[in-house]
Amino acid sequence: MTQRIGKKEGVDLFVVELAALLHDLADWKFHSAAAGPRLARQILSKRKVPPDVTRHVCEIISTISFKGVRAEKKIRTLEGKVVQDADRLDALGAIGIARAFAVGGYLHRSIYIPTQKPSLRLTKKATLNGTTINHFYEKLLLLKDRMHTRTAKNLAGKRHAYMETYVKRFFQEWDGKI
């Protein structure tokens, strides 16, 4: 997705490809916020990547993650916006649904608890202890309206609609209506 969006948006493909490949090395949910950029800097330095490219990639990595509506960091460059859009598109649609339940299982999350309401404050604790269905409302269904590029906005609509259909069907089955 990073290459597809990057080509259409006319960005530095080397920067976006590096950032896309390295952005999840040390996810904020499992490490400190500084761990990912620090590890990326070490990898890029060992490979003699120019310092300006390394700085740009590390800046993207430090601002890419969605940590809740109230905790978003400003993305400064178009390359950063492209990588963030691609990352967010991966969290939408059929693949996004599969990922949500795979991660939920890994984290031993419940699928759904009717008395547990979604929270728009995505602390590490809420992220790790919430339910997978709540995750749709806390993050996944919010992503469509947070795309930066025209290319990503066009792609996000159908994926978002699919997720809405899925959640609606989930609740119909949960309630015994289907």
Protein backbone atom coordinates (compact mmCIF):
# COMPACT_ATOMS: atom_id res chain seq x y z
CA MET A 1 0.00 0.00 0.00
CA THR A 2 2.87 2.38 0.76
CA GLN A 3 4.28 1.93 -2.73
CA ARG A 4 0.87 2.26 -4.37
CA ILE A 5 -0.03 5.44 -2.50
CA GLY A 6 3.51 6.80 -2.70
CA LYS A 7 3.66 6.49 -6.48
CA LYS A 8 0.31 8.24 -6.92
CA GLU A 9 1.22 10.99 -4.47
CA GLY A 10 4.72 11.51 -5.92
CA VAL A 11 6.79 11.09 -2.74
CA ASP A 12 10.31 9.84 -2.04
CA LEU A 13 9.71 6.10 -2.37
CA PHE A 14 12.96 5.19 -0.62
CA VAL A 15 11.90 7.04 2.53
CA VAL A 16 8.35 5.65 2.59
CA GLU A 17 9.48 2.09 1.90
CA LEU A 18 12.03 2.20 4.73
CA ALA A 19 9.50 3.71 7.13
CA ALA A 20 6.86 1.15 6.17
CA LEU A 21 9.27 -1.72 6.68
CA LEU A 22 10.59 -0.48 10.02
CA HIS A 23 7.61 1.22 11.69
CA ASP A 24 6.43 -1.79 13.72
CA LEU A 25 9.82 -2.98 14.99
CA ALA A 26 8.95 -1.96 18.53
CA ASP A 27 5.23 -1.19 18.74
CA TRP A 28 4.22 1.35 21.41
CA LYS A 29 1.78 -1.13 22.96
CA PHE A 30 4.66 -3.42 23.93
CA HIS A 31 7.63 -1.05 24.24
CA SER A 32 8.37 2.56 25.07
CA ALA A 33 7.41 5.13 22.43
CA ALA A 34 11.10 5.83 21.77
CA ALA A 35 12.07 2.19 21.19
CA GLY A 36 10.93 1.98 17.55
CA PRO A 37 12.77 5.05 16.26
CA ARG A 38 15.86 4.12 18.29
CA LEU A 39 15.99 0.60 16.82
CA ALA A 40 15.32 1.91 13.30
CA ARG A 41 18.15 4.45 13.68
CA GLN A 42 20.54 1.65 14.68
CA ILE A 43 19.55 -0.49 11.71
CA LEU A 44 19.77 2.37 9.22
CA SER A 45 23.10 3.59 10.59
CA LYS A 46 24.63 0.11 10.26
CA ARG A 47 23.55 0.08 6.63
CA LYS A 48 25.04 3.53 5.99
CA VAL A 49 21.71 5.15 5.08
CA PRO A 50 22.27 8.91 4.72
CA PRO A 51 21.60 10.83 7.99
CA ASP A 52 18.85 13.01 6.44
CA VAL A 53 16.97 9.91 5.27
CA THR A 54 17.47 8.26 8.67
CA ARG A 55 16.10 11.34 10.47
CA HIS A 56 13.09 11.46 8.16
CA VAL A 57 12.32 7.74 8.58
CA CYS A 58 12.66 7.96 12.37
CA GLU A 59 10.40 11.00 12.50
CA ILE A 60 7.75 9.10 10.54
CA ILE A 61 8.06 6.10 12.86
CA SER A 62 7.70 8.31 15.94
CA THR A 63 4.45 9.90 14.71
CA ILE A 64 2.68 7.13 12.77
CA SER A 65 0.78 5.15 15.43
CA PHE A 66 -2.85 5.84 16.28
CA LYS A 67 -3.05 6.14 20.06
CA GLY A 68 -6.57 7.51 20.29
CA VAL A 69 -8.45 10.53 19.04
CA ARG A 70 -6.95 12.84 21.64
CA ALA A 71 -3.37 11.59 21.32
CA GLU A 72 -2.63 12.01 17.63
CA LYS A 73 0.69 13.53 16.70
CA LYS A 74 1.00 15.87 13.75
CA ILE A 75 2.53 14.29 10.66
CA ARG A 76 4.86 16.88 9.16
CA THR A 77 5.73 15.44 5.73
CA LEU A 78 3.82 13.97 2.81
CA GLU A 79 5.98 10.84 3.12
CA GLY A 80 4.82 10.44 6.71
CA LYS A 81 1.21 10.90 5.67
CA VAL A 82 1.61 8.24 2.96
CA VAL A 83 3.07 5.71 5.41
CA GLN A 84 0.42 6.46 8.01
CA ASP A 85 -2.35 6.13 5.42
CA ALA A 86 -0.97 2.77 4.24
CA ASP A 87 -0.70 1.55 7.82
CA ARG A 88 -4.26 2.62 8.52
CA LEU A 89 -5.55 0.98 5.35
CA ASP A 90 -4.01 -2.29 6.56
CA ALA A 91 -6.24 -1.99 9.63
CA LEU A 92 -9.41 -1.65 7.53
CA GLY A 93 -11.52 -4.11 5.53
CA ALA A 94 -11.30 -7.89 5.52
CA ILE A 95 -7.60 -7.89 6.40
CA GLY A 96 -8.21 -5.39 9.18
CA ILE A 97 -10.93 -7.61 10.66
CA ALA A 98 -8.63 -10.64 10.51
CA ARG A 99 -5.82 -8.66 12.14
CA ALA A 100 -8.09 -7.34 14.89
CA PHE A 101 -9.11 -10.83 15.95
CA ALA A 102 -5.61 -12.26 15.57
CA VAL A 103 -4.16 -9.53 17.81
CA GLY A 104 -7.11 -9.85 20.18
CA GLY A 105 -6.40 -13.56 20.54
CA TYR A 106 -2.71 -12.92 21.07
CA LEU A 107 -3.55 -10.40 23.81
CA HIS A 108 -6.14 -12.77 25.34
CA ARG A 109 -8.87 -10.17 24.78
CA SER A 110 -12.48 -11.16 25.01
CA ILE A 111 -14.30 -10.90 21.72
CA TYR A 112 -17.15 -8.92 23.25
CA ILE A 113 -18.46 -8.09 26.72
CA PRO A 114 -21.82 -6.28 26.55
CA THR A 115 -21.22 -4.34 29.78
CA GLN A 116 -17.77 -3.09 28.71
CA LYS A 117 -18.15 0.12 26.71
CA PRO A 118 -15.60 1.44 24.19
CA SER A 119 -13.18 4.13 25.33
CA LEU A 120 -11.80 6.85 23.05
CA ARG A 121 -8.78 7.24 25.35
CA LEU A 122 -6.49 4.52 24.12
CA THR A 123 -4.09 4.05 26.98
CA LYS A 124 -1.80 1.03 26.86
CA LYS A 125 -3.98 -0.59 29.54
CA ALA A 126 -7.23 0.05 27.64
CA THR A 127 -5.66 -1.15 24.40
CA LEU A 128 -4.34 -4.34 25.94
CA ASN A 129 -7.38 -5.12 28.12
CA GLY A 130 -10.30 -4.01 25.94
CA THR A 131 -12.45 -6.28 23.80
CA THR A 132 -11.89 -6.83 20.10
CA ILE A 133 -15.35 -5.53 19.18
CA ASN A 134 -14.70 -2.37 21.21
CA HIS A 135 -11.47 -1.95 19.24
CA PHE A 136 -13.61 -1.39 16.14
CA TYR A 137 -15.19 1.65 17.81
CA GLU A 138 -12.06 2.85 19.60
CA LYS A 139 -9.87 2.81 16.49
CA LEU A 140 -10.79 0.93 13.34
CA LEU A 141 -14.04 2.68 12.44
CA LEU A 142 -12.39 6.06 13.07
CA LEU A 143 -9.59 5.60 10.56
CA LYS A 144 -11.50 6.35 7.35
CA ASP A 145 -11.92 9.98 8.33
CA ARG A 146 -8.27 10.31 9.34
CA MET A 147 -6.70 9.56 5.97
CA HIS A 148 -4.44 12.28 4.58
CA THR A 149 -4.04 11.55 0.88
CA ARG A 150 -6.67 11.49 -1.83
CA THR A 151 -5.49 8.02 -2.85
CA ALA A 152 -6.01 6.59 0.65
CA LYS A 153 -9.35 8.33 1.11
CA ASN A 154 -10.60 6.64 -2.06
CA LEU A 155 -9.43 3.23 -0.87
CA ALA A 156 -10.66 3.61 2.70
CA GLY A 157 -14.34 4.06 1.88
CA LYS A 158 -15.04 0.51 0.68
CA ARG A 159 -12.95 -1.07 3.41
CA HIS A 160 -14.75 0.98 6.05
CA ALA A 161 -18.17 0.04 4.66
CA TYR A 162 -17.22 -3.64 4.80
CA MET A 163 -16.26 -3.30 8.46
CA GLU A 164 -19.54 -1.55 9.27
CA THR A 165 -21.42 -4.41 7.61
CA TYR A 166 -19.38 -6.93 9.60
CA VAL A 167 -20.04 -5.24 12.96
CA LYS A 168 -23.76 -4.95 12.19
CA ARG A 169 -23.87 -8.67 11.35
CA PHE A 170 -21.88 -9.52 14.47
CA PHE A 171 -24.49 -7.84 16.69
CA GLN A 172 -27.37 -9.45 14.78
CA GLU A 173 -25.87 -12.86 15.43
CA TRP A 174 -24.95 -11.98 19.04
CA ASP A 175 -28.55 -10.96 19.69
CA GLY A 176 -29.83 -14.17 18.08
CA LYS A 177 -31.60 -12.34 15.25
CA ILE A 178 -29.85 -14.34 12.53
